[in-house]
Amino acid sequence: MNINDLCTEAYNTAKSKGWHDEKRETGTLLALIHSEVSEALEADRKGDQENFEEELADVVIRILDLCGSRGIDLEGAIHKKMEKNKGRTYKHGGKAY
C-alpha cells in the first residue's frame, strides 16, 4: 500500500464514522492535526512511550485524512519536498532550531 492509498483509507474510515458528514474548513482540520501533536508532546513529557507513539500515529492519520478528503497527492508532495531539502544549504536560513 502506498501513501496515497493510506490517504484514501484514512478518509474513507473517517467518513464512515461520520467525521465528514459536513464539509470541514481547512483550518479546522489543521487544528485537529495540531491537537494530536500537542497530545504527543504531553505523552512525551510524561515519559509515556506507548501513548507517544499512538499520538504520532494519530497525527499522521489526521494528515492522511485531510489529504484524502482533498484529493492531495501526498506521496508526490513528500518526494518533491525531500528532493528540495537535499539541495538546501547546511542549516539553511541561519536558524538556531
N, C-alpha and C. Protein backbone atom coordinates (compact mmCIF):
# COMPACT_ATOMS: atom_id res chain seq x y z
N MET A 1 0.85 -1.18 0.00
CA MET A 1 0.00 0.00 0.00
C MET A 1 0.90 1.24 0.00
N ASN A 2 0.62 2.18 -0.89
CA ASN A 2 1.42 3.39 -0.92
C ASN A 2 0.76 4.49 -0.06
N ILE A 3 1.43 5.61 0.03
CA ILE A 3 0.94 6.69 0.89
C ILE A 3 -0.42 7.21 0.44
N ASN A 4 -0.60 7.36 -0.86
CA ASN A 4 -1.89 7.86 -1.33
C ASN A 4 -3.02 6.86 -1.07
N ASP A 5 -2.70 5.56 -1.09
CA ASP A 5 -3.71 4.56 -0.71
C ASP A 5 -4.09 4.73 0.77
N LEU A 6 -3.09 5.04 1.61
CA LEU A 6 -3.37 5.29 3.02
C LEU A 6 -4.24 6.53 3.20
N CYS A 7 -4.02 7.55 2.37
CA CYS A 7 -4.87 8.75 2.41
C CYS A 7 -6.32 8.37 2.14
N THR A 8 -6.53 7.58 1.12
CA THR A 8 -7.88 7.14 0.76
C THR A 8 -8.49 6.31 1.89
N GLU A 9 -7.72 5.40 2.45
CA GLU A 9 -8.23 4.56 3.54
C GLU A 9 -8.57 5.38 4.77
N ALA A 10 -7.69 6.31 5.15
CA ALA A 10 -7.95 7.15 6.33
C ALA A 10 -9.21 7.99 6.12
N TYR A 11 -9.34 8.58 4.94
CA TYR A 11 -10.52 9.39 4.64
C TYR A 11 -11.79 8.53 4.65
N ASN A 12 -11.75 7.38 4.00
CA ASN A 12 -12.93 6.52 3.96
C ASN A 12 -13.34 6.05 5.35
N THR A 13 -12.38 5.73 6.19
CA THR A 13 -12.69 5.32 7.56
C THR A 13 -13.33 6.47 8.32
N ALA A 14 -12.72 7.66 8.25
CA ALA A 14 -13.27 8.83 8.95
C ALA A 14 -14.68 9.15 8.44
N LYS A 15 -14.85 9.08 7.13
CA LYS A 15 -16.16 9.36 6.54
C LYS A 15 -17.20 8.36 7.02
N SER A 16 -16.83 7.09 7.09
CA SER A 16 -17.78 6.06 7.52
C SER A 16 -18.18 6.22 8.99
N LYS A 17 -17.36 6.93 9.74
CA LYS A 17 -17.64 7.16 11.17
C LYS A 17 -18.32 8.51 11.40
N GLY A 18 -18.67 9.20 10.31
CA GLY A 18 -19.44 10.44 10.42
C GLY A 18 -18.62 11.71 10.50
N TRP A 19 -17.30 11.62 10.34
CA TRP A 19 -16.45 12.81 10.50
C TRP A 19 -16.44 13.70 9.28
N HIS A 20 -17.11 13.28 8.21
CA HIS A 20 -17.18 14.12 7.02
C HIS A 20 -18.62 14.31 6.56
N ASP A 21 -19.56 14.23 7.51
CA ASP A 21 -20.96 14.45 7.14
C ASP A 21 -21.17 15.88 6.63
N GLU A 22 -20.42 16.83 7.21
CA GLU A 22 -20.43 18.20 6.74
C GLU A 22 -19.01 18.54 6.29
N LYS A 23 -18.91 19.43 5.29
CA LYS A 23 -17.58 19.86 4.82
C LYS A 23 -16.89 20.62 5.95
N ARG A 24 -15.63 20.31 6.18
CA ARG A 24 -14.84 20.98 7.21
C ARG A 24 -13.87 21.95 6.58
N GLU A 25 -13.69 23.08 7.24
CA GLU A 25 -12.72 24.06 6.77
C GLU A 25 -11.31 23.52 6.97
N THR A 26 -10.40 23.97 6.13
CA THR A 26 -9.01 23.55 6.24
C THR A 26 -8.45 23.89 7.62
N GLY A 27 -8.78 25.06 8.13
CA GLY A 27 -8.30 25.47 9.45
C GLY A 27 -8.72 24.52 10.55
N THR A 28 -9.93 24.02 10.47
CA THR A 28 -10.43 23.06 11.45
C THR A 28 -9.62 21.77 11.38
N LEU A 29 -9.37 21.29 10.18
CA LEU A 29 -8.61 20.05 10.02
C LEU A 29 -7.18 20.23 10.49
N LEU A 30 -6.58 21.39 10.21
CA LEU A 30 -5.22 21.66 10.69
C LEU A 30 -5.19 21.77 12.22
N ALA A 31 -6.23 22.34 12.80
CA ALA A 31 -6.29 22.43 14.26
C ALA A 31 -6.38 21.05 14.88
N LEU A 32 -7.08 20.14 14.24
CA LEU A 32 -7.17 18.76 14.74
C LEU A 32 -5.81 18.08 14.67
N ILE A 33 -5.06 18.34 13.60
CA ILE A 33 -3.70 17.81 13.50
C ILE A 33 -2.84 18.37 14.62
N HIS A 34 -2.96 19.67 14.82
CA HIS A 34 -2.20 20.33 15.88
C HIS A 34 -2.54 19.75 17.25
N SER A 35 -3.80 19.45 17.49
CA SER A 35 -4.19 18.89 18.80
C SER A 35 -3.55 17.53 19.03
N GLU A 36 -3.40 16.76 17.96
CA GLU A 36 -2.74 15.45 18.09
C GLU A 36 -1.25 15.63 18.37
N VAL A 37 -0.62 16.64 17.75
CA VAL A 37 0.79 16.94 18.04
C VAL A 37 0.95 17.33 19.50
N SER A 38 0.02 18.15 20.00
CA SER A 38 0.07 18.55 21.41
C SER A 38 -0.10 17.36 22.35
N GLU A 39 -0.97 16.44 21.98
CA GLU A 39 -1.15 15.23 22.79
C GLU A 39 0.12 14.38 22.78
N ALA A 40 0.81 14.33 21.64
CA ALA A 40 2.08 13.60 21.57
C ALA A 40 3.12 14.27 22.47
N LEU A 41 3.17 15.58 22.45
CA LEU A 41 4.10 16.31 23.32
C LEU A 41 3.83 16.00 24.78
N GLU A 42 2.58 16.00 25.16
CA GLU A 42 2.23 15.73 26.56
C GLU A 42 2.60 14.30 26.94
N ALA A 43 2.38 13.35 26.06
CA ALA A 43 2.75 11.95 26.34
C ALA A 43 4.26 11.84 26.51
N ASP A 44 5.01 12.55 25.67
CA ASP A 44 6.47 12.53 25.78
C ASP A 44 6.91 13.16 27.09
N ARG A 45 6.30 14.24 27.48
CA ARG A 45 6.64 14.90 28.75
C ARG A 45 6.43 13.97 29.94
N LYS A 46 5.42 13.12 29.82
CA LYS A 46 5.10 12.17 30.90
C LYS A 46 5.93 10.90 30.80
N GLY A 47 6.73 10.78 29.75
CA GLY A 47 7.53 9.58 29.57
C GLY A 47 6.72 8.36 29.15
N ASP A 48 5.55 8.59 28.58
CA ASP A 48 4.64 7.51 28.17
C ASP A 48 4.90 7.17 26.69
N GLN A 49 5.88 6.32 26.45
CA GLN A 49 6.31 6.00 25.09
C GLN A 49 5.18 5.38 24.26
N GLU A 50 4.41 4.49 24.86
CA GLU A 50 3.33 3.84 24.11
C GLU A 50 2.31 4.86 23.63
N ASN A 51 1.90 5.76 24.52
CA ASN A 51 0.93 6.79 24.14
C ASN A 51 1.55 7.79 23.17
N PHE A 52 2.84 8.10 23.34
CA PHE A 52 3.55 8.99 22.42
C PHE A 52 3.47 8.45 21.00
N GLU A 53 3.77 7.17 20.85
CA GLU A 53 3.73 6.54 19.53
C GLU A 53 2.32 6.56 18.95
N GLU A 54 1.33 6.29 19.80
CA GLU A 54 -0.06 6.30 19.35
C GLU A 54 -0.47 7.69 18.88
N GLU A 55 -0.06 8.71 19.62
CA GLU A 55 -0.41 10.08 19.25
C GLU A 55 0.29 10.49 17.95
N LEU A 56 1.54 10.05 17.74
CA LEU A 56 2.21 10.32 16.47
C LEU A 56 1.45 9.66 15.33
N ALA A 57 0.96 8.45 15.56
CA ALA A 57 0.14 7.78 14.55
C ALA A 57 -1.12 8.60 14.27
N ASP A 58 -1.72 9.14 15.31
CA ASP A 58 -2.91 9.99 15.13
C ASP A 58 -2.59 11.22 14.29
N VAL A 59 -1.42 11.82 14.50
CA VAL A 59 -1.01 12.97 13.69
C VAL A 59 -0.99 12.58 12.21
N VAL A 60 -0.35 11.47 11.92
CA VAL A 60 -0.22 11.03 10.52
C VAL A 60 -1.60 10.68 9.95
N ILE A 61 -2.43 10.01 10.73
CA ILE A 61 -3.77 9.64 10.26
C ILE A 61 -4.59 10.88 9.94
N ARG A 62 -4.49 11.91 10.78
CA ARG A 62 -5.22 13.16 10.52
C ARG A 62 -4.72 13.81 9.23
N ILE A 63 -3.41 13.78 9.00
CA ILE A 63 -2.85 14.34 7.77
C ILE A 63 -3.32 13.52 6.56
N LEU A 64 -3.28 12.20 6.69
CA LEU A 64 -3.75 11.33 5.61
C LEU A 64 -5.22 11.61 5.29
N ASP A 65 -6.03 11.76 6.33
CA ASP A 65 -7.45 12.04 6.16
C ASP A 65 -7.66 13.36 5.42
N LEU A 66 -6.95 14.40 5.84
CA LEU A 66 -7.06 15.70 5.18
C LEU A 66 -6.71 15.57 3.69
N CYS A 67 -5.61 14.91 3.41
CA CYS A 67 -5.19 14.75 2.01
C CYS A 67 -6.18 13.90 1.23
N GLY A 68 -6.70 12.85 1.86
CA GLY A 68 -7.70 12.01 1.20
C GLY A 68 -8.98 12.78 0.90
N SER A 69 -9.37 13.65 1.82
CA SER A 69 -10.60 14.41 1.63
C SER A 69 -10.46 15.48 0.55
N ARG A 70 -9.24 15.92 0.28
CA ARG A 70 -8.99 16.98 -0.69
C ARG A 70 -8.35 16.48 -1.98
N GLY A 71 -8.12 15.17 -2.08
CA GLY A 71 -7.52 14.61 -3.28
C GLY A 71 -6.08 15.05 -3.50
N ILE A 72 -5.37 15.28 -2.41
CA ILE A 72 -3.98 15.73 -2.48
C ILE A 72 -3.06 14.54 -2.70
N ASP A 73 -2.13 14.68 -3.64
CA ASP A 73 -1.13 13.65 -3.90
C ASP A 73 -0.02 13.82 -2.85
N LEU A 74 -0.24 13.28 -1.67
CA LEU A 74 0.71 13.43 -0.58
C LEU A 74 2.03 12.75 -0.88
N GLU A 75 1.97 11.58 -1.47
CA GLU A 75 3.20 10.86 -1.79
C GLU A 75 4.07 11.69 -2.74
N GLY A 76 3.47 12.25 -3.76
CA GLY A 76 4.20 13.09 -4.69
C GLY A 76 4.77 14.33 -4.01
N ALA A 77 3.97 14.95 -3.14
CA ALA A 77 4.41 16.15 -2.43
C ALA A 77 5.59 15.84 -1.51
N ILE A 78 5.56 14.68 -0.86
CA ILE A 78 6.66 14.28 0.03
C ILE A 78 7.94 14.09 -0.78
N HIS A 79 7.85 13.35 -1.88
CA HIS A 79 9.04 13.12 -2.71
C HIS A 79 9.61 14.45 -3.23
N LYS A 80 8.73 15.33 -3.68
CA LYS A 80 9.16 16.62 -4.20
C LYS A 80 9.86 17.44 -3.13
N LYS A 81 9.29 17.47 -1.93
CA LYS A 81 9.87 18.24 -0.83
C LYS A 81 11.19 17.64 -0.37
N MET A 82 11.29 16.33 -0.32
CA MET A 82 12.55 15.70 0.08
C MET A 82 13.66 16.03 -0.90
N GLU A 83 13.34 16.05 -2.17
CA GLU A 83 14.34 16.42 -3.18
C GLU A 83 14.76 17.88 -2.99
N LYS A 84 13.80 18.75 -2.72
CA LYS A 84 14.11 20.16 -2.47
C LYS A 84 15.03 20.30 -1.26
N ASN A 85 14.73 19.55 -0.19
CA ASN A 85 15.54 19.62 1.03
C ASN A 85 16.98 19.18 0.79
N LYS A 86 17.19 18.22 -0.11
CA LYS A 86 18.55 17.76 -0.41
C LYS A 86 19.41 18.88 -0.97
N GLY A 87 18.80 19.84 -1.64
CA GLY A 87 19.53 20.93 -2.25
C GLY A 87 19.74 22.14 -1.35
N ARG A 88 19.22 22.09 -0.15
CA ARG A 88 19.35 23.22 0.76
C ARG A 88 20.74 23.24 1.39
N THR A 89 21.13 24.43 1.82
CA THR A 89 22.42 24.57 2.48
C THR A 89 22.33 24.04 3.91
N TYR A 90 23.49 23.84 4.51
CA TYR A 90 23.57 23.36 5.90
C TYR A 90 22.85 24.34 6.81
N LYS A 91 21.90 23.83 7.59
CA LYS A 91 21.08 24.65 8.50
C LYS A 91 20.60 25.92 7.80
N HIS A 92 20.01 25.72 6.63
CA HIS A 92 19.57 26.83 5.78
C HIS A 92 18.80 27.89 6.57
N GLY A 93 19.02 29.12 6.19
CA GLY A 93 18.32 30.23 6.81
C GLY A 93 18.95 30.72 8.10
N GLY A 94 20.02 30.08 8.55
CA GLY A 94 20.72 30.53 9.76
C GLY A 94 19.90 30.39 11.03
N LYS A 95 18.93 29.51 11.02
CA LYS A 95 18.07 29.33 12.19
C LYS A 95 18.78 28.51 13.27
N ALA A 96 18.53 28.85 14.53
CA ALA A 96 19.13 28.11 15.63
C ALA A 96 18.47 26.74 15.82
N TYR A 97 17.18 26.66 15.50
CA TYR A 97 16.43 25.40 15.61
C TYR A 97 15.20 25.46 14.75
